[in-house]
Every structure is written in C-alpha cells, then in structure tokens.
C-alpha cells in the first residue's frame, strides 16, 4: 500500500500522452439484451492491434469528463470504450451490468485494432464497485483500476454480492485509487478491503490521496486540473502499461 502526499511541484502534464497524438472519440451503440446502450469510443491510429480498456462511469452518468478521459487514454495508446450503463436505468442490476460488460468485450473483439489478450477494466464510484465486482468474474480482463469504489456494497436482490465476497476469485492485478476524505465510501473500508486482498495473496496496489474527496477526478462533470487528478491518471496509465502487454 502506498500513501501519496502530493506537492504542487508534482503537477506535470500526462507524460503518457507523448505516446500518441490528440485523439477524438465518437459516440457508439453497444447492443446488450436487445437494447442499444449509448456509449463512447476512442482509438489510437495503429496498424497493429493495441491494448484496450473498458471504462465504467460513475453514478452521475457518462459526463464529458469521462469522454475526455477516454480521448486521453486513446492518445496514450489504448482503444478505450466507455459503456453507458445507465442508458435505460439509473441503477440497473448487477446482472444487467455484467451482461453489458461482456457484450462490450464482444464489441471490442469484433474490431481489428484490439489485442484481446491485453484488455483492462476501470471504473469510478459505482463503476469502481463494478470493477471490484466484475474483474474477479470476467477472466478476459488482465488488470483493473478501481476509483473510489464500494467494496462492501451488496446484499440486495439487484446487488446480491459485495466485491469483498469475490476476492478469492480475483486472478489479475488491481489498482485501487481513493481519497482520505471520501465520505460516501470512507477510506477505512478501502484499507480493510486491501488487507483482505493482502491476506489472500492477491496482486494489488493502493494509491491513497491525502485530503481528496469522493469523485475527485471530476468537478462539474469535467476533468479536474489538480495534482491529485493528474497524478492518479498517470498512475492508472502506468499500471495498465505494466500489465496490458
């Protein structure tokens, strides 16, 4: 586990963007359960298959900040698909989201520019919980990055399992990003989750940002230009660069 006390001098541009040029994504429809989910995709110009990432937005929807992040990730070399999992329901069941993610994998697999042996999963808030929940279940993902998720949320008809219950099934590395002043998902629960991962000898990294609240990546639906936001995005890209090969 690593606790990051950030200084203003760490405010640098995302160095990974030097790997590619500016990329502009486009809206796409991903069909799942007979319905077209309004999603967003960006891909680097490449003659060879590239690693890919599926992104699951927060409970506030597929905001512009996530679209901009998808563009950034494509510029860094990743075919990135943000699934609009709230297209039809604000709070769909875990089964519905899992099926959508599986269909998102099929969507990527139908493209000629994706290396399906190097696909990652990332999510934010509710999407962070989905990352914790689905990475152990879907072995196609070679790594995951869970931003301020909810490891203990579950126990209802729509959400029968908490991510903590599936730790034993986790077979690929996970990066957990969280803030010390997260109120909806207190950092104490994240430390407990990390301890359980460690006890189960799972491969993970924990990056905790001092003073940061829940959802610190975005403000008003846009990417924040703060040391924590920039550093966490670099951290995510570096993690995927290590494990998606």
Protein backbone atom coordinates (compact mmCIF):
# COMPACT_ATOMS: atom_id res chain seq x y z
CA UNK A 1 0.00 0.00 0.00
CA UNK A 2 1.18 3.48 -0.76
CA UNK A 3 0.03 6.76 0.75
CA UNK A 4 0.66 9.72 -1.50
CA UNK A 5 1.17 13.19 -0.02
CA UNK A 6 1.17 15.30 -3.15
CA UNK A 7 3.09 18.53 -3.59
CA UNK A 8 2.26 21.21 -6.13
CA UNK A 9 5.60 20.53 -7.79
CA UNK A 10 4.21 17.17 -8.94
CA UNK A 11 1.79 18.95 -11.27
CA UNK A 12 3.05 17.81 -14.66
CA UNK A 13 1.34 17.06 -17.94
CA UNK A 14 0.43 13.43 -18.50
CA UNK A 15 3.69 12.12 -19.84
CA UNK A 16 1.97 9.11 -21.38
CA UNK A 17 0.26 11.35 -23.90
CA UNK A 18 3.60 11.65 -25.62
CA UNK A 19 2.98 8.12 -26.84
CA UNK A 20 0.30 9.32 -29.23
CA UNK A 21 -1.30 12.35 -30.77
CA UNK A 22 -4.58 14.02 -29.90
CA UNK A 23 -7.46 11.62 -30.44
CA UNK A 24 -11.13 12.49 -30.72
CA UNK A 25 -13.61 9.74 -29.99
CA UNK A 26 -17.16 9.20 -31.15
CA UNK A 27 -20.49 8.02 -29.80
CA UNK A 28 -21.20 4.33 -30.44
CA UNK A 29 -24.05 1.95 -29.61
CA UNK A 30 -23.25 -1.29 -27.81
CA UNK A 31 -26.10 -3.81 -28.07
CA UNK A 32 -26.87 -5.82 -24.96
CA UNK A 33 -30.07 -7.62 -24.05
CA UNK A 34 -31.62 -6.45 -27.29
CA UNK A 35 -31.08 -2.78 -26.40
CA UNK A 36 -28.57 -0.26 -27.73
CA UNK A 37 -26.53 1.33 -24.93
CA UNK A 38 -25.25 4.78 -25.84
CA UNK A 39 -21.50 4.63 -25.26
CA UNK A 40 -18.28 6.38 -26.29
CA UNK A 41 -15.17 5.02 -28.01
CA UNK A 42 -11.77 6.39 -28.94
CA UNK A 43 -8.88 4.52 -30.53
CA UNK A 44 -5.30 5.33 -31.50
CA UNK A 45 -4.38 5.24 -35.15
CA UNK A 46 -2.48 1.97 -35.38
CA UNK A 47 -1.68 -0.64 -37.97
CA UNK A 48 -1.31 -3.30 -35.28
CA UNK A 49 -3.73 -4.43 -32.54
CA UNK A 50 -3.48 -2.33 -29.39
CA UNK A 51 -4.38 -2.99 -25.76
CA UNK A 52 -7.88 -1.91 -24.78
CA UNK A 53 -9.77 -0.69 -21.71
CA UNK A 54 -13.46 -0.74 -20.83
CA UNK A 55 -14.45 2.25 -18.69
CA UNK A 56 -17.47 2.32 -16.37
CA UNK A 57 -18.57 5.83 -15.43
CA UNK A 58 -19.82 7.00 -12.06
CA UNK A 59 -23.40 7.13 -10.77
CA UNK A 60 -23.66 10.62 -12.29
CA UNK A 61 -23.58 9.26 -15.84
CA UNK A 62 -21.31 9.42 -18.87
CA UNK A 63 -20.23 13.00 -18.28
CA UNK A 64 -17.96 15.00 -20.55
CA UNK A 65 -15.01 14.42 -18.25
CA UNK A 66 -15.16 10.69 -18.90
CA UNK A 67 -15.31 11.28 -22.64
CA UNK A 68 -12.23 13.49 -22.35
CA UNK A 69 -10.50 10.78 -20.31
CA UNK A 70 -11.33 8.21 -22.99
CA UNK A 71 -9.68 10.51 -25.54
CA UNK A 72 -6.61 10.84 -23.30
CA UNK A 73 -6.33 7.08 -22.91
CA UNK A 74 -6.61 6.56 -26.66
CA UNK A 75 -3.87 9.15 -27.17
CA UNK A 76 -1.74 7.10 -24.76
CA UNK A 77 -2.23 4.00 -26.92
CA UNK A 78 -5.37 2.27 -25.62
CA UNK A 79 -8.56 1.52 -27.53
CA UNK A 80 -10.99 2.74 -24.87
CA UNK A 81 -14.71 2.07 -24.63
CA UNK A 82 -16.86 3.92 -22.07
CA UNK A 83 -20.06 1.92 -21.62
CA UNK A 84 -23.17 3.98 -20.94
CA UNK A 85 -24.56 1.55 -18.39
CA UNK A 86 -27.28 3.99 -17.27
CA UNK A 87 -28.80 4.37 -20.75
CA UNK A 88 -32.06 2.69 -19.68
CA UNK A 89 -31.95 2.59 -15.87
CA UNK A 90 -30.28 4.82 -13.33
CA UNK A 91 -29.48 1.81 -11.16
CA UNK A 92 -29.58 -1.44 -13.18
CA UNK A 93 -28.99 -4.82 -11.59
CA UNK A 94 -25.52 -6.27 -11.33
CA UNK A 95 -26.56 -8.97 -13.77
CA UNK A 96 -27.56 -6.35 -16.34
CA UNK A 97 -24.23 -4.53 -15.99
CA UNK A 98 -22.24 -7.75 -16.15
CA UNK A 99 -24.01 -8.74 -19.38
CA UNK A 100 -23.35 -5.29 -20.82
CA UNK A 101 -19.64 -5.54 -19.98
CA UNK A 102 -19.49 -8.98 -21.59
CA UNK A 103 -21.12 -7.52 -24.70
CA UNK A 104 -18.65 -4.64 -24.55
CA UNK A 105 -15.86 -7.21 -24.72
CA UNK A 106 -17.53 -8.76 -27.76
CA UNK A 107 -17.83 -5.28 -29.30
CA UNK A 108 -14.08 -4.77 -28.88
CA UNK A 109 -13.34 -8.27 -30.14
CA UNK A 110 -15.11 -7.52 -33.40
CA UNK A 111 -12.64 -4.72 -34.12
CA UNK A 112 -9.40 -5.36 -35.95
CA UNK A 113 -7.35 -2.94 -33.84
CA UNK A 114 -7.75 -4.60 -30.42
CA UNK A 115 -5.42 -7.08 -28.77
CA UNK A 116 -7.96 -9.13 -26.83
CA UNK A 117 -5.17 -10.66 -24.77
CA UNK A 118 -4.50 -7.23 -23.24
CA UNK A 119 -7.80 -5.76 -22.06
CA UNK A 120 -8.29 -3.85 -18.81
CA UNK A 121 -11.25 -2.58 -16.81
CA UNK A 122 -11.60 0.71 -14.96
CA UNK A 123 -14.49 2.37 -13.17
CA UNK A 124 -15.42 5.28 -10.93
CA UNK A 125 -17.73 5.43 -7.89
CA UNK A 126 -20.44 2.87 -8.79
CA UNK A 127 -18.18 1.97 -11.70
CA UNK A 128 -15.38 1.41 -9.19
CA UNK A 129 -17.59 -1.09 -7.39
CA UNK A 130 -18.33 -2.79 -10.71
CA UNK A 131 -14.60 -3.01 -11.36
CA UNK A 132 -14.06 -4.68 -7.99
CA UNK A 133 -17.06 -6.94 -8.61
CA UNK A 134 -16.55 -7.94 -12.24
CA UNK A 135 -12.79 -8.27 -12.52
CA UNK A 136 -12.86 -11.49 -10.45
CA UNK A 137 -15.72 -12.85 -12.56
CA UNK A 138 -14.58 -11.98 -16.08
CA UNK A 139 -11.21 -13.54 -16.77
CA UNK A 140 -10.79 -11.63 -20.04
CA UNK A 141 -9.58 -8.65 -18.03
CA UNK A 142 -5.84 -8.73 -17.41
CA UNK A 143 -5.85 -5.81 -14.95
CA UNK A 144 -8.27 -3.38 -13.34
CA UNK A 145 -8.26 0.10 -11.84
CA UNK A 146 -11.00 0.85 -9.30
CA UNK A 147 -11.51 4.53 -8.47
CA UNK A 148 -13.22 5.28 -5.14
CA UNK A 149 -15.40 2.17 -5.25
CA UNK A 150 -17.63 0.45 -2.71
CA UNK A 151 -16.13 -2.92 -1.76
CA UNK A 152 -18.79 -3.80 0.82
CA UNK A 153 -21.90 -2.79 -1.15
CA UNK A 154 -24.22 -5.73 -1.82
CA UNK A 155 -26.78 -7.97 -0.17
CA UNK A 156 -29.86 -6.87 -2.13
CA UNK A 157 -31.88 -8.51 -4.90
CA UNK A 158 -30.32 -6.23 -7.54
CA UNK A 159 -26.85 -6.36 -5.98
CA UNK A 160 -26.58 -9.77 -4.33
CA UNK A 161 -22.81 -9.87 -3.87
CA UNK A 162 -20.36 -7.41 -2.36
CA UNK A 163 -16.94 -7.26 -4.05
CA UNK A 164 -15.29 -8.42 -0.84
CA UNK A 165 -17.10 -11.75 -1.20
CA UNK A 166 -15.34 -12.38 -4.53
CA UNK A 167 -11.76 -11.67 -3.50
CA UNK A 168 -10.94 -15.35 -3.70
CA UNK A 169 -11.80 -15.36 -7.41
CA UNK A 170 -9.58 -12.40 -8.29
CA UNK A 171 -6.79 -13.66 -10.53
CA UNK A 172 -5.41 -10.48 -12.09
CA UNK A 173 -3.79 -7.31 -10.69
CA UNK A 174 -5.88 -4.41 -9.39
CA UNK A 175 -5.01 -0.78 -8.69
CA UNK A 176 -7.25 0.94 -6.13
CA UNK A 177 -7.41 4.75 -6.14
CA UNK A 178 -9.07 6.56 -3.24
CA UNK A 179 -9.11 9.79 -1.25
CA UNK A 180 -8.73 10.14 2.52
CA UNK A 181 -11.78 12.43 2.77
CA UNK A 182 -14.18 10.26 0.81
CA UNK A 183 -17.50 10.45 2.68
CA UNK A 184 -19.73 8.08 0.63
CA UNK A 185 -17.00 5.40 0.66
CA UNK A 186 -14.83 6.00 3.74
CA UNK A 187 -11.19 5.17 3.29
CA UNK A 188 -11.30 2.86 6.33
CA UNK A 189 -13.36 0.44 4.24
CA UNK A 190 -10.77 0.59 1.48
CA UNK A 191 -7.96 -0.17 3.90
CA UNK A 192 -9.96 -3.16 5.17
CA UNK A 193 -10.51 -4.34 1.59
CA UNK A 194 -6.79 -4.01 0.89
CA UNK A 195 -5.97 -6.02 4.00
CA UNK A 196 -8.27 -8.79 2.79
CA UNK A 197 -6.62 -8.72 -0.65
CA UNK A 198 -3.23 -8.97 1.03
CA UNK A 199 -4.33 -11.83 3.28
CA UNK A 200 -5.49 -13.68 0.17
CA UNK A 201 -2.11 -13.01 -1.53
CA UNK A 202 -3.71 -11.06 -4.37
CA UNK A 203 -1.66 -8.73 -6.57
CA UNK A 204 -2.77 -5.15 -5.98
CA UNK A 205 -1.62 -1.59 -5.47
CA UNK A 206 -3.33 1.00 -3.29
CA UNK A 207 -2.89 4.70 -4.04
CA UNK A 208 -4.47 6.96 -1.41
CA UNK A 209 -4.59 10.71 -1.95
CA UNK A 210 -4.47 12.81 1.20
CA UNK A 211 -7.31 15.32 1.50
CA UNK A 212 -9.19 14.22 -1.60
CA UNK A 213 -12.96 13.67 -1.54
CA UNK A 214 -15.12 11.16 -3.36
CA UNK A 215 -15.13 11.69 -7.11
CA UNK A 216 -12.05 13.91 -7.13
CA UNK A 217 -11.32 13.17 -10.79
CA UNK A 218 -14.24 15.33 -11.94
CA UNK A 219 -15.83 18.60 -10.89
CA UNK A 220 -18.98 19.83 -12.56
CA UNK A 221 -18.74 16.92 -14.97
CA UNK A 222 -15.28 17.95 -16.21
CA UNK A 223 -11.80 16.62 -15.52
CA UNK A 224 -10.19 18.50 -12.67
CA UNK A 225 -6.82 20.13 -13.25
CA UNK A 226 -5.32 19.30 -9.86
CA UNK A 227 -2.16 17.49 -8.76
CA UNK A 228 -4.22 14.57 -7.45
CA UNK A 229 -6.25 14.19 -10.65
CA UNK A 230 -3.21 14.38 -12.89
CA UNK A 231 -1.16 12.03 -10.73
CA UNK A 232 -3.97 9.46 -10.45
CA UNK A 233 -4.43 9.43 -14.22
CA UNK A 234 -0.69 8.89 -14.68
CA UNK A 235 -0.87 6.13 -12.08
CA UNK A 236 -3.66 4.38 -13.97
CA UNK A 237 -1.88 4.59 -17.32
CA UNK A 238 1.36 3.33 -15.79
CA UNK A 239 -0.47 0.39 -14.22
CA UNK A 240 -2.11 -0.58 -17.47
CA UNK A 241 1.19 -0.15 -19.29
CA UNK A 242 2.76 -2.64 -16.86
CA UNK A 243 0.06 -5.31 -17.09
CA UNK A 244 -1.58 -4.96 -20.51
CA UNK A 245 1.06 -6.40 -22.80
